Amino acid sequence: MTYEIPKHIQQLGTDIQAHELRYHNRRVLVSKEFTFDSAHHLHLYDGKCKSMHGHTYKLQLVMSGKTDHRGLAIDFSDIKRIAKERVIDRLDHRYLNEVLPPMNTTAENMVVWIYEQVDTALREEGYAPNVRLEEARLWETPTSYAAVTRALMEAEDDAS
């Protein structure tokens, strides 16, 4: 296959019109992943995790939204900023038992707290209701993660 160098750069207003930038009116998923390192220990746990230890966590945030006039649902840089301000900067290279609200610092508890932080930011910054947090996944190891979805968070509490 032969590739040619473009001879012309597309110009807004000449080659493409502003009303053509938004190709569709459908809700799409956008996602961004992050890593951070933290230490913690678990209470009422009889395995090796009862002692302080560390993880390189991986966080995936999945959002949905309809595109705006430019064809963007939410800029990836805005997802990055929100995650950094609300989650990563608060947890990276920290002792989680000290910086999180009172809880056992399990991945299951942490992912709900993370979801709440990001969802609150989307509402406070005016992205909601167009942009919604659909899922947060928190990997504690490369093969183990906890996740929460919008449907799970909005479901009636069935714990008794």
Protein backbone atom coordinates (compact mmCIF):
# COMPACT_ATOMS: atom_id res chain seq x y z
CA MET A 1 0.00 0.00 0.00
CA THR A 2 1.27 3.43 -0.89
CA TYR A 3 0.67 6.37 1.41
CA GLU A 4 0.67 9.90 0.13
CA ILE A 5 1.44 13.01 2.08
CA PRO A 6 -1.64 15.24 2.21
CA LYS A 7 -1.29 18.20 -0.11
CA HIS A 8 -4.01 20.20 1.60
CA ILE A 9 -4.98 20.61 5.25
CA GLN A 10 -8.74 20.69 5.78
CA GLN A 11 -9.95 24.18 6.67
CA LEU A 12 -13.04 24.93 8.77
CA GLY A 13 -15.42 27.10 6.77
CA THR A 14 -13.97 26.07 3.42
CA ASP A 15 -13.63 22.28 3.31
CA ILE A 16 -15.91 21.45 6.24
CA GLN A 17 -18.65 23.58 7.77
CA ALA A 18 -19.32 24.06 11.49
CA HIS A 19 -22.66 22.25 11.26
CA GLU A 20 -20.82 19.17 9.91
CA LEU A 21 -18.51 18.75 12.91
CA ARG A 22 -21.17 16.88 14.88
CA TYR A 23 -21.63 13.69 12.86
CA HIS A 24 -24.39 12.15 15.00
CA ASN A 25 -26.72 12.69 17.95
CA ARG A 26 -26.05 9.44 19.79
CA ARG A 27 -24.79 8.79 23.29
CA VAL A 28 -21.24 7.41 23.21
CA LEU A 29 -18.88 5.96 25.80
CA VAL A 30 -15.53 7.59 26.50
CA SER A 31 -12.95 6.15 28.86
CA LYS A 32 -9.66 7.07 30.46
CA GLU A 33 -7.29 5.02 32.61
CA PHE A 34 -4.97 6.09 35.41
CA THR A 35 -2.49 4.48 37.78
CA PHE A 36 -1.44 5.41 41.28
CA ASP A 37 0.57 3.79 44.06
CA SER A 38 -0.71 3.53 47.62
CA ALA A 39 -0.27 1.54 50.81
CA HIS A 40 -2.99 0.12 53.05
CA HIS A 41 -3.96 -2.75 55.29
CA LEU A 42 -7.26 -4.49 55.92
CA HIS A 43 -9.07 -4.91 59.22
CA LEU A 44 -10.79 -8.18 60.24
CA TYR A 45 -8.86 -10.04 57.56
CA ASP A 46 -6.80 -13.15 58.26
CA GLY A 47 -4.69 -13.19 55.07
CA LYS A 48 -1.44 -11.43 54.31
CA CYS A 49 -3.31 -8.20 53.50
CA LYS A 50 -3.87 -7.61 57.21
CA SER A 51 -0.30 -6.24 57.25
CA MET A 52 0.53 -2.94 55.61
CA HIS A 53 1.43 -3.40 51.94
CA GLY A 54 1.24 -1.48 48.69
CA HIS A 55 -0.34 -1.72 45.27
CA THR A 56 -0.05 -0.04 41.93
CA TYR A 57 -3.74 0.57 41.36
CA LYS A 58 -5.24 1.06 37.92
CA LEU A 59 -8.43 3.10 37.65
CA GLN A 60 -10.69 3.17 34.60
CA LEU A 61 -13.47 5.74 34.34
CA VAL A 62 -16.14 5.20 31.69
CA MET A 63 -18.49 8.08 30.91
CA SER A 64 -21.29 8.50 28.41
CA GLY A 65 -22.59 11.58 26.72
CA LYS A 66 -24.06 13.03 23.57
CA THR A 67 -21.63 15.01 21.51
CA ASP A 68 -21.70 18.79 21.41
CA HIS A 69 -21.52 21.00 18.30
CA ARG A 70 -17.82 20.06 17.91
CA GLY A 71 -18.43 16.31 18.11
CA LEU A 72 -17.10 15.97 21.69
CA ALA A 73 -18.96 14.42 24.62
CA ILE A 74 -16.29 15.45 27.15
CA ASP A 75 -12.68 16.32 26.49
CA PHE A 76 -10.23 13.64 27.65
CA SER A 77 -8.21 16.40 29.32
CA ASP A 78 -11.26 17.26 31.46
CA ILE A 79 -11.62 13.63 32.54
CA LYS A 80 -7.93 13.63 33.43
CA ARG A 81 -8.21 16.87 35.42
CA ILE A 82 -11.26 15.69 37.36
CA ALA A 83 -9.70 12.32 38.17
CA LYS A 84 -6.43 13.95 39.21
CA GLU A 85 -8.03 16.60 41.43
CA ARG A 86 -10.71 14.43 43.01
CA VAL A 87 -8.99 11.04 43.28
CA ILE A 88 -5.38 10.58 42.15
CA ASP A 89 -3.80 13.53 43.99
CA ARG A 90 -5.60 12.47 47.18
CA LEU A 91 -4.51 8.80 47.03
CA ASP A 92 -1.21 8.59 45.16
CA HIS A 93 1.74 7.65 47.39
CA ARG A 94 -0.47 7.85 50.46
CA TYR A 95 -1.52 5.54 53.28
CA LEU A 96 -5.12 4.90 52.31
CA ASN A 97 -6.29 4.07 55.84
CA GLU A 98 -5.33 7.62 56.78
CA VAL A 99 -6.65 9.64 53.82
CA LEU A 100 -9.94 7.91 52.96
CA PRO A 101 -13.09 8.31 55.06
CA PRO A 102 -13.43 5.71 57.82
CA MET A 103 -13.75 2.40 55.95
CA ASN A 104 -11.93 -0.84 55.40
CA THR A 105 -9.76 0.04 52.41
CA THR A 106 -10.94 -2.81 50.18
CA ALA A 107 -11.17 -2.31 46.44
CA GLU A 108 -14.96 -2.74 46.80
CA ASN A 109 -15.21 0.18 49.23
CA MET A 110 -12.70 2.34 47.40
CA VAL A 111 -14.36 2.05 43.99
CA VAL A 112 -17.68 3.32 45.41
CA TRP A 113 -15.88 6.28 47.04
CA ILE A 114 -14.10 7.01 43.73
CA TYR A 115 -17.39 6.84 41.82
CA GLU A 116 -18.96 9.30 44.27
CA GLN A 117 -16.04 11.75 43.92
CA VAL A 118 -16.08 11.77 40.12
CA ASP A 119 -19.89 11.81 39.84
CA THR A 120 -20.03 14.78 42.23
CA ALA A 121 -17.41 16.62 40.17
CA LEU A 122 -19.38 16.09 36.95
CA ARG A 123 -22.49 17.54 38.62
CA GLU A 124 -20.69 20.46 40.28
CA GLU A 125 -18.88 21.43 37.07
CA GLY A 126 -22.04 21.34 34.95
CA TYR A 127 -21.25 18.31 32.79
CA ALA A 128 -24.26 16.39 34.12
CA PRO A 129 -26.83 15.44 33.03
CA ASN A 130 -25.39 15.27 29.49
CA VAL A 131 -22.22 13.50 30.65
CA ARG A 132 -22.75 10.62 33.07
CA LEU A 133 -20.28 8.40 34.86
CA GLU A 134 -21.27 4.92 33.72
CA GLU A 135 -18.61 2.79 35.38
CA ALA A 136 -15.55 2.95 37.60
CA ARG A 137 -13.15 -0.01 37.72
CA LEU A 138 -10.33 -0.25 40.22
CA TRP A 139 -7.67 -2.90 39.68
CA GLU A 140 -5.74 -3.80 42.81
CA THR A 141 -3.55 -6.22 40.86
CA PRO A 142 -3.28 -6.85 37.11
CA THR A 143 -5.88 -9.64 37.41
CA SER A 144 -8.18 -8.42 40.21
CA TYR A 145 -10.57 -5.50 40.15
CA ALA A 146 -13.75 -4.18 41.73
CA ALA A 147 -16.24 -2.19 39.69
CA VAL A 148 -19.40 -0.21 40.16
CA THR A 149 -21.80 1.00 37.49
CA ARG A 150 -24.30 3.82 37.38
CA ALA A 151 -27.10 1.24 37.44
CA LEU A 152 -25.68 -0.34 40.59
CA MET A 153 -25.20 3.04 42.26
CA GLU A 154 -28.75 4.15 41.39
CA ALA A 155 -30.39 0.86 42.41
CA GLU A 156 -32.32 0.83 45.63
CA ASP A 157 -30.27 -0.28 48.58
CA ASP A 158 -31.11 -3.93 49.09
CA ALA A 159 -28.68 -4.43 51.99
CA SER A 160 -30.34 -5.23 55.27
